[in-house]
Protein backbone atom coordinates (compact mmCIF):
# COMPACT_ATOMS: atom_id res chain seq x y z
CA MET A 1 -10.75 25.30 -42.49
CA ARG A 2 -9.84 22.66 -39.46
CA ALA A 3 -7.09 21.06 -41.50
CA GLN A 4 -5.34 24.93 -40.97
CA VAL A 5 -7.02 24.88 -37.38
CA ILE A 6 -4.89 21.12 -36.79
CA GLU A 7 -1.96 22.58 -38.68
CA ASN A 8 -1.68 25.81 -36.65
CA PHE A 9 -1.93 23.56 -33.19
CA TYR A 10 0.42 20.72 -34.36
CA ARG A 11 3.14 23.62 -35.42
CA ASN A 12 2.38 25.38 -31.81
CA TRP A 13 2.70 22.71 -30.28
CA LEU A 14 5.89 21.32 -31.32
CA ALA A 15 7.45 25.31 -30.87
CA ASN A 16 6.35 25.21 -26.97
CA LEU A 17 6.96 21.75 -26.43
CA PRO A 18 10.52 22.01 -25.55
CA ILE A 19 9.64 24.70 -22.83
CA LEU A 20 6.91 22.97 -21.58
CA SER A 21 8.59 19.67 -20.75
CA GLU A 22 11.68 21.48 -18.87
CA GLY A 23 9.71 22.99 -16.31
CA TYR A 24 8.31 19.19 -15.83
CA ILE A 25 11.71 17.47 -15.98
CA TYR A 26 13.88 20.45 -13.98
CA ASP A 27 13.38 21.72 -10.44
CA SER A 28 13.72 25.15 -9.41
CA LYS A 29 17.26 25.33 -9.33
CA GLY A 30 17.63 23.48 -12.70
CA LYS A 31 18.37 20.31 -11.49
CA LEU A 32 16.75 17.19 -13.53
CA ARG A 33 13.90 15.77 -10.93
CA PRO A 34 14.86 12.28 -9.79
CA PRO A 35 12.54 9.51 -11.76
CA ARG A 36 10.16 7.38 -9.62
CA TYR A 37 11.14 3.57 -9.57
CA ILE A 38 8.44 2.96 -12.43
CA PHE A 39 10.89 4.59 -14.64
CA ARG A 40 12.89 1.57 -14.74
CA TYR A 41 9.90 -0.40 -15.65
CA PHE A 42 9.22 1.97 -18.99
CA LYS A 43 13.11 2.30 -19.94
CA GLN A 44 12.74 -1.63 -20.29
CA LEU A 45 9.51 -1.09 -22.15
CA ILE A 46 11.20 1.16 -24.32
CA LEU A 47 14.76 -0.81 -25.22
CA ASP A 48 12.36 -3.93 -25.87
CA PHE A 49 10.32 -1.95 -28.61
CA LEU A 50 13.35 -0.44 -29.99
CA THR A 51 14.77 -4.30 -30.30
CA ASP A 52 11.40 -5.53 -31.50
CA GLN A 53 11.45 -7.66 -28.36
CA ILE A 54 7.79 -6.54 -27.05
CA SER A 55 4.64 -8.51 -27.20
CA GLU A 56 1.75 -7.09 -29.07
CA SER A 57 -0.09 -6.16 -25.66
CA GLN A 58 3.09 -3.99 -24.80
CA LYS A 59 2.09 -1.79 -27.74
CA ILE A 60 -0.52 0.35 -25.99
CA ILE A 61 0.42 0.99 -22.49
CA LEU A 62 -2.68 2.46 -20.18
CA LEU A 63 -1.78 4.50 -17.39
CA PRO A 64 -4.75 5.42 -14.99
CA GLY A 65 -4.70 7.02 -11.92
CA ILE A 66 -5.88 10.03 -9.64
CA ARG A 67 -5.27 13.20 -10.40
CA GLY A 68 -1.60 14.70 -8.73
CA VAL A 69 0.29 11.78 -8.60
CA GLY A 70 3.01 12.41 -11.42
CA LYS A 71 1.56 11.05 -14.86
CA THR A 72 2.63 13.96 -16.67
CA THR A 73 5.96 14.06 -15.07
CA LEU A 74 6.50 10.40 -16.18
CA LEU A 75 5.26 10.98 -19.83
CA MET A 76 7.83 14.15 -20.06
CA GLN A 77 10.74 12.11 -18.43
CA LEU A 78 10.32 9.72 -21.13
CA PHE A 79 9.84 12.15 -23.94
CA ASN A 80 13.07 13.22 -22.72
CA LEU A 81 14.67 9.97 -22.29
CA GLU A 82 18.54 10.79 -23.33
CA LYS A 83 18.28 13.54 -19.97
CA PHE A 84 17.94 10.42 -17.66
CA LEU A 85 20.28 7.65 -19.24
CA GLY A 86 23.66 7.10 -17.75
CA ALA A 87 26.33 5.56 -19.73
CA GLY A 88 27.65 3.39 -16.49
CA ASP A 89 24.35 1.63 -16.45
CA ARG A 90 24.02 -1.54 -18.33
CA LEU A 91 20.19 -1.12 -19.27
CA ASP A 92 20.72 2.67 -20.11
CA SER A 93 23.94 1.94 -22.42
CA LYS A 94 21.90 -0.74 -24.73
CA ILE A 95 18.88 1.96 -24.75
CA LEU A 96 21.57 4.72 -26.16
CA GLN A 97 22.96 2.49 -28.29
CA ASN A 98 19.50 1.91 -30.12
CA LEU A 99 18.16 5.76 -29.74
CA LYS A 100 19.03 6.04 -33.36
CA LYS A 101 15.95 3.87 -34.46
CA PHE A 102 13.29 6.51 -33.44
CA HIS A 103 11.68 8.22 -36.23
CA SER A 104 9.91 10.42 -34.15
CA ARG A 105 8.60 10.76 -30.16
CA LEU A 106 5.66 12.88 -29.56
CA TYR A 107 4.12 14.22 -26.24
CA LEU A 108 0.78 15.41 -26.49
CA ASP A 109 -1.57 16.70 -23.90
CA VAL A 110 -5.11 15.29 -25.36
CA SER A 111 -7.23 17.92 -23.17
CA LYS A 112 -5.67 20.71 -25.00
CA LEU A 113 -6.58 19.11 -28.64
CA HIS A 114 -10.40 18.72 -26.36
CA LEU A 115 -10.00 22.52 -25.87
CA GLU A 116 -9.34 23.26 -29.15
CA GLN A 117 -12.18 20.87 -30.47
CA ILE A 118 -10.03 18.11 -32.29
CA SER A 119 -10.55 14.59 -32.12
CA LEU A 120 -7.44 12.43 -31.91
CA LYS A 121 -8.79 10.78 -35.03
CA ASN A 122 -8.46 13.66 -36.89
CA PHE A 123 -5.23 14.96 -35.12
CA PHE A 124 -3.28 11.75 -36.33
CA SER A 125 -4.51 11.85 -39.73
CA PHE A 126 -2.46 15.20 -39.86
CA PHE A 127 0.14 13.56 -38.13
CA GLU A 128 0.31 11.01 -40.58
CA LYS A 129 0.49 13.28 -43.69
CA ALA A 130 2.81 15.91 -41.72
CA ASN A 131 5.52 13.47 -40.77
CA LYS A 132 5.02 11.35 -44.24
CA ILE A 133 4.66 8.19 -42.61
CA ASN A 134 1.46 5.51 -42.57
CA PHE A 135 1.08 3.64 -39.24
CA VAL A 136 -0.01 0.88 -40.91
CA SER A 137 3.53 0.35 -42.88
CA LEU A 138 6.05 1.85 -40.74
CA GLN A 139 9.57 1.56 -41.20
CA LYS A 140 10.90 3.57 -38.25
CA LYS A 141 9.95 3.22 -34.33
CA VAL A 142 7.20 6.00 -33.30
CA LEU A 143 6.76 6.37 -29.63
CA LEU A 144 3.33 8.40 -28.94
CA LEU A 145 2.79 9.71 -25.48
CA LEU A 146 -0.56 10.64 -25.01
CA ASP A 147 -1.62 12.82 -21.47
CA GLU A 148 -5.21 12.80 -20.32
CA ILE A 149 -6.47 10.58 -22.98
CA HIS A 150 -9.54 10.23 -21.20
CA PHE A 151 -10.80 14.13 -22.72
CA ASP A 152 -11.24 12.49 -25.96
CA GLU A 153 -14.99 10.72 -26.00
CA ASN A 154 -13.55 7.80 -28.54
CA TRP A 155 -10.24 7.45 -27.07
CA ASP A 156 -10.83 3.70 -26.89
CA LEU A 157 -11.65 3.37 -30.41
CA LEU A 158 -8.63 5.27 -31.40
CA LEU A 159 -6.53 3.02 -29.47
CA LYS A 160 -7.97 -0.04 -30.76
CA THR A 161 -7.79 1.19 -34.19
CA LEU A 162 -4.05 2.04 -34.00
CA PHE A 163 -3.26 -1.64 -32.45
CA ASP A 164 -5.27 -3.12 -35.66
CA THR A 165 -3.81 -0.73 -38.10
CA THR A 166 -0.13 -1.70 -36.88
CA LYS A 167 -0.79 -5.48 -36.41
CA GLY A 168 1.89 -6.39 -39.31
CA HIS A 169 4.59 -4.70 -37.19
CA LYS A 170 6.15 -3.66 -33.94
CA ASN A 171 7.10 0.28 -34.91
CA LEU A 172 4.37 1.77 -32.77
CA LEU A 173 4.50 2.30 -28.83
CA VAL A 174 1.52 4.21 -27.62
CA ILE A 175 2.15 5.41 -23.36
CA ALA A 176 -1.25 6.91 -22.48
CA THR A 177 -2.27 8.54 -19.12
CA GLY A 178 -5.76 9.11 -18.13
CA SER A 179 -8.33 9.32 -14.67
CA SER A 180 -8.74 6.24 -12.85
CA ALA A 181 -12.34 5.92 -14.43
CA ILE A 182 -10.76 5.08 -17.65
CA ASN A 183 -10.88 1.64 -16.30
CA LEU A 184 -14.69 1.58 -16.88
CA LYS A 185 -14.55 2.31 -20.77
CA MET A 186 -12.17 -0.38 -21.31
CA SER A 187 -14.14 -2.75 -23.70
CA PRO A 188 -13.05 -6.21 -23.73
CA ASP A 189 -11.43 -6.07 -27.03
CA LEU A 190 -9.37 -2.96 -25.66
CA MET A 191 -8.44 -4.95 -22.36
CA ARG A 192 -7.15 -7.92 -25.09
CA ARG A 193 -4.93 -5.28 -27.00
CA SER A 194 -3.38 -3.24 -24.08
CA THR A 195 -1.15 -3.50 -20.74
CA LEU A 196 -2.90 -1.62 -18.09
CA ARG A 197 -0.76 -0.45 -15.40
CA GLU A 198 -2.40 2.12 -12.66
CA PHE A 199 -0.40 4.99 -11.30
CA PHE A 200 -0.63 5.64 -7.60
CA PRO A 201 0.37 7.71 -5.31
CA LEU A 202 3.79 7.95 -3.82
CA LYS A 203 4.98 5.10 -1.12
CA PHE A 204 7.70 6.08 1.39
CA SER A 205 10.73 4.95 -1.03
CA ASP A 206 9.08 7.15 -3.65
CA TYR A 207 9.02 10.30 -1.19
CA LEU A 208 12.41 9.40 -0.09
CA LEU A 209 13.93 9.07 -3.61
CA LEU A 210 12.24 12.34 -5.01
CA LYS A 211 11.93 14.98 -1.95
CA HIS A 212 15.56 13.43 -0.19
CA ASP A 213 17.39 11.85 -3.25
CA ILE A 214 17.49 8.79 -0.55
CA TYR A 215 17.16 5.31 -1.32
CA PRO A 216 17.63 1.96 0.02
CA LYS A 217 19.55 -1.23 -1.36
CA LYS A 218 18.06 -2.67 -4.46
CA THR A 219 15.87 -5.64 -3.99
CA LEU A 220 15.60 -5.10 -0.46
CA THR A 221 11.72 -3.62 -0.81
CA GLN A 222 10.77 -6.41 -2.92
CA LYS A 223 13.02 -8.97 -0.38
CA LEU A 224 10.96 -7.10 2.85
CA ARG A 225 7.47 -7.72 0.90
CA GLN A 226 8.33 -11.44 0.26
CA LEU A 227 9.46 -11.99 4.20
CA LEU A 228 5.89 -10.17 5.31
CA PHE A 229 3.63 -11.30 3.07
CA ALA A 230 4.50 -14.68 0.98
CA SER A 231 6.26 -16.58 4.04
CA LYS A 232 5.00 -19.58 5.32
CA ARG A 233 4.69 -19.24 8.96
CA ALA A 234 5.62 -16.56 11.58
CA GLU A 235 9.40 -18.07 12.28
CA GLU A 236 10.52 -17.40 8.64
CA VAL A 237 9.12 -13.53 8.66
CA PHE A 238 10.60 -12.93 11.88
CA LYS A 239 14.14 -14.44 11.01
CA GLY A 240 14.39 -12.90 7.61
CA LEU A 241 13.26 -9.65 9.33
CA LYS A 242 15.99 -9.95 11.81
CA ASP A 243 18.77 -10.35 9.10
CA LYS A 244 17.64 -7.26 7.72
CA GLN A 245 17.36 -5.34 10.94
CA GLU A 246 20.98 -3.99 11.25
CA TYR A 247 20.86 -2.44 7.70
CA VAL A 248 17.41 -1.17 8.19
CA ASP A 249 17.89 0.45 11.48
CA ASN A 250 21.26 2.23 10.36
CA PHE A 251 19.31 3.28 6.83
CA PHE A 252 16.91 4.90 9.18
CA THR A 253 19.01 7.22 11.39
CA LYS A 254 20.69 8.65 8.57
CA LEU A 255 17.32 9.84 7.18
CA PRO A 256 16.29 13.74 7.71
CA LEU A 257 14.35 14.17 11.47
CA GLY A 258 10.70 13.81 10.99
CA CYS A 259 10.69 12.49 7.59
CA GLU A 260 7.96 9.66 8.50
CA GLU A 261 5.67 12.03 9.93
CA ASP A 262 6.18 14.22 7.27
CA PHE A 263 5.38 11.65 4.66
CA PHE A 264 2.10 10.23 6.39
CA ASN A 265 0.90 13.54 6.27
CA PHE A 266 1.53 15.32 3.10
CA GLY A 267 4.11 12.73 1.31
CA GLY A 268 1.32 11.10 -1.29
CA PHE A 269 1.50 13.69 -4.26
CA PRO A 270 4.59 14.60 -5.88
CA PHE A 271 3.80 18.07 -5.87
CA CYS A 272 3.29 18.97 -2.16
CA LEU A 273 7.14 17.69 -1.86
CA LYS A 274 9.10 21.16 -2.50
CA GLU A 275 6.04 23.30 -0.90
CA LYS A 276 6.37 24.37 2.90
CA ASN A 277 3.74 26.40 3.59
CA GLU A 278 1.21 24.06 5.24
CA VAL A 279 -1.79 25.92 4.38
CA GLU A 280 -0.67 25.87 0.84
CA ILE A 281 -0.28 21.96 0.51
CA ILE A 282 -3.55 21.20 2.10
CA GLU A 283 -5.22 23.66 -0.78
CA ARG A 284 -3.42 22.12 -3.13
CA ILE A 285 -4.73 18.40 -2.10
CA LYS A 286 -8.35 19.51 -1.76
CA SER A 287 -8.42 21.10 -5.29
CA VAL A 288 -7.47 17.43 -6.31
CA ILE A 289 -9.90 16.37 -4.34
CA ASN A 290 -12.28 18.81 -5.75
CA GLY A 291 -11.30 17.91 -9.25
CA ILE A 292 -12.34 14.37 -8.62
CA ILE A 293 -15.57 15.44 -7.46
CA LEU A 294 -16.44 17.70 -10.04
CA ARG A 295 -15.19 15.41 -13.08
CA ASP A 296 -14.60 12.26 -12.38
CA VAL A 297 -17.77 11.41 -10.37
CA ILE A 298 -20.23 13.53 -12.61
CA THR A 299 -18.30 11.80 -15.22
CA LEU A 300 -19.19 8.23 -13.62
CA ARG A 301 -22.33 8.90 -12.81
CA ASN A 302 -25.47 10.98 -13.71
CA PHE A 303 -26.65 12.34 -10.07
CA LYS A 304 -28.88 14.71 -9.31
CA THR A 305 -27.19 18.41 -7.93
CA GLN A 306 -28.74 17.91 -4.28
CA THR A 307 -26.79 14.79 -4.49
CA ILE A 308 -23.62 15.86 -5.99
CA ASN A 309 -23.76 18.51 -3.18
CA LYS A 310 -23.51 15.79 -0.55
CA ILE A 311 -20.35 13.97 -1.60
CA ALA A 312 -18.04 16.50 0.10
CA ASP A 313 -19.79 15.89 3.69
CA LEU A 314 -19.38 12.34 2.81
CA VAL A 315 -15.52 12.51 1.85
CA TYR A 316 -15.41 14.23 5.21
CA LEU A 317 -17.33 12.04 7.32
CA LEU A 318 -15.19 8.89 6.02
CA ALA A 319 -12.06 10.85 6.63
CA VAL A 320 -12.89 11.53 10.53
CA SER A 321 -14.60 8.08 11.08
CA ASP A 322 -12.90 4.71 12.14
CA VAL A 323 -15.87 2.65 11.56
CA ILE A 324 -19.18 4.19 9.91
CA SER A 325 -22.17 2.35 8.89
CA HIS A 326 -24.82 2.75 5.98
CA GLU A 327 -27.47 3.75 8.21
CA LYS A 328 -25.36 6.25 10.18
CA LEU A 329 -23.97 8.11 6.93
CA LEU A 330 -27.78 7.76 5.28
CA LYS A 331 -29.31 9.73 8.15
CA THR A 332 -26.52 12.20 8.79
CA LEU A 333 -26.22 13.18 4.82
CA LYS A 334 -30.29 12.81 4.54
CA ILE A 335 -29.60 10.83 1.22
CA GLU A 336 -32.71 9.62 0.13
CA ASN A 337 -31.93 5.79 -0.32
CA ILE A 338 -29.25 2.97 0.46
CA ARG A 339 -28.73 2.69 -3.34
CA THR A 340 -28.48 6.57 -3.75
CA LEU A 341 -25.58 6.26 -0.90
CA MET A 342 -23.81 3.33 -2.79
CA ALA A 343 -23.53 4.79 -6.05
CA LEU A 344 -21.63 7.80 -4.83
CA LEU A 345 -19.57 5.32 -2.56
CA ASP A 346 -18.57 3.21 -5.63
CA VAL A 347 -17.69 6.09 -7.94
CA LEU A 348 -15.36 7.43 -5.09
CA VAL A 349 -13.81 4.00 -5.23
CA LEU A 350 -13.90 4.14 -9.05
CA SER A 351 -12.31 7.59 -9.17
CA GLY A 352 -9.50 5.85 -7.31
CA MET A 353 -9.60 8.00 -4.31
CA LEU A 354 -10.79 5.50 -2.07
CA VAL A 355 -10.45 1.72 -1.70
CA LYS A 356 -13.18 -0.68 -0.42
CA ILE A 357 -11.96 -3.46 2.22
CA ARG A 358 -14.96 -5.67 2.51
CA ALA A 359 -15.94 -7.62 5.65
CA PHE A 360 -14.53 -11.16 5.85
CA GLY A 361 -16.48 -14.57 5.29
CA ARG A 362 -19.96 -15.50 5.11
CA SER A 363 -20.45 -16.64 8.62
CA TYR A 364 -19.42 -12.86 9.83
CA GLY A 365 -22.44 -11.61 7.51
CA SER A 366 -20.25 -9.78 5.34
CA ALA A 367 -22.61 -9.05 2.75
CA ARG A 368 -24.68 -7.33 5.36
CA LYS A 369 -21.68 -5.35 7.09
CA THR A 370 -20.79 -1.77 5.69
CA PRO A 371 -17.42 -2.08 3.97
CA LYS A 372 -14.38 -0.29 5.33
CA TYR A 373 -13.32 2.92 3.34
CA LEU A 374 -9.89 3.95 2.98
CA PHE A 375 -8.18 6.56 1.23
CA ILE A 376 -5.86 5.91 -1.40
CA THR A 377 -3.17 7.67 0.71
CA PRO A 378 -2.86 9.15 3.91
CA SER A 379 -2.09 12.76 2.49
CA LEU A 380 -5.83 12.99 1.51
CA ARG A 381 -7.28 12.10 4.85
CA MET A 382 -5.19 14.84 6.34
CA ALA A 383 -5.89 17.88 4.03
CA ILE A 384 -9.42 16.90 4.65
CA LEU A 385 -8.96 16.91 8.16
CA GLY A 386 -6.55 20.08 8.00
CA ASN A 387 -3.81 18.09 9.07
CA ASN A 388 -5.65 18.06 12.74
CA PRO A 389 -7.41 14.47 13.17
CA PRO A 390 -9.62 14.31 16.37
CA SER A 391 -8.84 11.57 19.15
CA GLY A 392 -8.46 7.76 17.63
CA ILE A 393 -8.17 8.78 14.02
CA GLU A 394 -4.41 9.02 13.51
CA GLY A 395 -3.85 5.45 13.09
CA LYS A 396 -6.47 5.61 10.18
CA LYS A 397 -3.33 7.18 7.98
CA LEU A 398 -1.56 3.72 8.65
CA GLU A 399 -4.21 1.77 7.53
CA ASP A 400 -4.51 4.09 4.20
CA TYR A 401 -1.13 3.34 3.49
CA PHE A 402 -1.18 -0.01 4.20
CA ALA A 403 -4.53 -0.02 1.32
CA LEU A 404 -1.97 1.75 -0.89
CA ILE A 405 0.61 -1.14 -0.46
CA PHE A 406 -2.10 -3.85 -1.40
CA LYS A 407 -3.35 -2.12 -4.47
CA LYS A 408 0.04 -0.72 -6.02
CA ASP A 409 2.55 -4.27 -4.90
CA LEU A 410 0.49 -7.50 -3.39
CA GLY A 411 -0.24 -9.84 -6.58
CA LYS A 412 1.94 -7.92 -8.80
CA GLU A 413 4.42 -10.17 -8.46
CA PRO A 414 4.12 -13.81 -9.46
CA SER A 415 5.78 -15.22 -6.03
CA PHE A 416 2.76 -13.75 -4.51
CA GLY A 417 0.25 -15.07 -6.47
CA GLU A 418 -3.44 -13.49 -5.91
CA PHE A 419 -4.02 -11.52 -2.64
CA ARG A 420 -7.82 -10.48 -1.34
CA LEU A 421 -7.86 -7.96 1.39
CA SER A 422 -10.61 -8.07 4.14
CA TYR A 423 -11.44 -7.01 7.46
CA ASP A 424 -12.73 -8.26 10.87
CA SER A 425 -15.95 -6.14 11.18
CA ALA A 426 -16.45 -8.03 15.29
CA LYS A 427 -15.66 -6.08 18.42
CA ASN A 428 -11.94 -6.04 18.86
CA GLY A 429 -11.11 -7.87 15.32
CA ALA A 430 -8.23 -7.17 13.09
CA ASP A 431 -7.36 -4.29 11.07
CA PHE A 432 -7.08 -6.54 7.99
CA ILE A 433 -7.27 -10.26 6.84
CA LEU A 434 -5.13 -10.76 3.60
CA THR A 435 -6.43 -13.81 1.92
CA LEU A 436 -3.72 -15.97 -0.49
CA LYS A 437 -4.27 -18.12 -3.61
CA ASP A 438 -4.37 -21.14 -1.53
CA ASN A 439 -6.99 -19.54 0.47
CA SER A 440 -4.48 -19.52 3.81
CA HIS A 441 -4.65 -16.19 5.86
CA ILE A 442 -2.02 -14.09 7.10
CA VAL A 443 -4.17 -11.38 9.61
CA VAL A 444 -2.75 -7.93 10.02
CA GLU A 445 -3.16 -4.93 12.97
CA VAL A 446 -1.29 -2.02 12.04
CA GLY A 447 -0.82 1.25 14.56
CA PHE A 448 1.55 3.87 15.61
CA GLY A 449 3.29 2.53 18.74
CA LYS A 450 1.09 -1.07 18.45
CA GLU A 451 2.20 -3.31 20.88
CA ASP A 452 -0.76 -4.78 21.78
CA ILE A 453 -2.08 -8.38 20.07
CA LYS A 454 -5.23 -8.65 21.44
CA GLN A 455 -6.84 -8.10 18.07
CA VAL A 456 -4.71 -10.52 15.86
CA LYS A 457 -5.25 -12.98 18.19
CA ASN A 458 -8.87 -12.69 18.52
CA THR A 459 -9.58 -12.40 14.73
CA MET A 460 -6.77 -15.75 14.52
CA ALA A 461 -9.08 -17.88 16.85
CA LYS A 462 -12.37 -17.15 14.59
CA ILE A 463 -10.81 -18.40 11.24
CA LYS A 464 -9.24 -21.35 9.64
CA ASN A 465 -5.94 -21.79 7.97
CA VAL A 466 -4.04 -18.64 9.07
CA ARG A 467 -0.69 -18.70 8.44
CA TYR A 468 0.77 -15.94 11.17
CA GLY A 469 -0.42 -12.63 12.40
CA LEU A 470 1.78 -9.53 11.80
CA VAL A 471 1.34 -6.17 14.41
CA VAL A 472 2.72 -3.40 12.55
CA GLY A 473 4.25 -0.44 14.36
CA SER A 474 5.58 -1.95 17.78
CA LYS A 475 8.83 -0.84 19.23
CA ARG A 476 10.83 -3.70 18.78
CA LEU A 477 10.91 -6.77 16.64
CA GLU A 478 9.76 -9.79 18.47
CA ILE A 479 7.88 -13.07 17.72
CA THR A 480 5.18 -13.66 20.53
CA GLU A 481 3.50 -17.15 21.09
CA GLY A 482 0.49 -18.19 18.95
CA ASN A 483 2.40 -17.79 15.86
CA ILE A 484 2.46 -13.47 15.77
CA VAL A 485 5.15 -11.19 14.92
CA LYS A 486 5.67 -7.89 16.02
CA ILE A 487 7.32 -5.48 13.60
CA PRO A 488 8.65 -1.61 13.72
CA LEU A 489 6.71 0.48 11.39
CA LYS A 490 9.95 1.30 9.55
CA PHE A 491 9.97 -2.65 8.13
CA LEU A 492 6.60 -1.70 6.47
CA LEU A 493 7.89 1.69 5.36
CA LEU A 494 10.50 0.32 2.82
CA ALA A 495 8.66 -2.93 2.07
């Protein structure tokens, strides 16, 4: 009976998959949706797979990320890879030359399997028989695109088994998405057998590409990040940005009016980009938040019902506040003890919704200071506040965006090394302190129309081994006394 259930599911799934995938890869006008920048990484990965150039750890790619960031669309675009290849592109041409090596490609929504009470283990046992293959002795290339893999309670064991089963060849590639919480279930064995690439909300460059089909010059974003966060001194930052200023200024003059504000308010999620009704956008983002609370948070920790009911209020307090103490949160929410509060905050971080920024340095008493909690995209904060932030909170959107840049990009490039991000918890201290691998520091203050350098100066005066300070959001690019560079926001938006 179970074998018949699996066969019926498989046949129905294959019959409906072409129509299902078209809903993701085409927009309402029948035009192909442009892929995000990460798509090129996967094109190169697939070429390496088809030409036996992938490493062992690249045979299984895990893509965790919060709901609504476009993981399913990415997998559907990879499933329909030919539609996104052009003969004029060198990488694309090489892929086209090798596509005949594919034996099969399968996109599978694991949540649908879960609904039918079919385990991944049983499904792939059937899959091998139906396709007359054996994963142990594969002779042709098989690509498995597994969406929402966390719905199978033994997903990690299945991936480990697939890796071990295919140890003798490089003919199976698995790309699997899941909630941010899957990081917790990864055993050390699976970590050694896979590559993890977290999938984040949209940056400004992604937003421009998906909404307006506009993108800056190739390599510009990487160069700007290098200048801002890997220079040795302020003069290097200033001169490098000055060289790029004419192009950046001209680029922004051609952008649609108001697109920067639109991005900061609702541009973090791809599903919002074609929606014009603000109320509908807010409700859809709130549904993402509710999904995180009702599914991911409960999966991560077994809280009492009365505690779970306070999570929405906690999220609102974090959205509406600049700096807030543990003591104030405990009192306002009437949570029984500090351990419960810390557990709630930790699971919101693990779910991918929040980014935790610790206070800087032992001399500041960082262990006793309340960390700063930022949202992984400004769109979350604005939806929670109904796009009507109270006075003094508008600038928090830019802090959220900086946290996204840190999580998504910094430390991912070899020239950067490892970064740590903290903040100055003292009164009139800077928003951020980036600590580089050599234990030097870059002090950063962000804000819309930010001209005052006081906070950066205060923090730079208290810590040793500072490379330079950055004040992001000023009207013009300039270097000031004290090794500080004032930078228009547009440079950060393209970084």
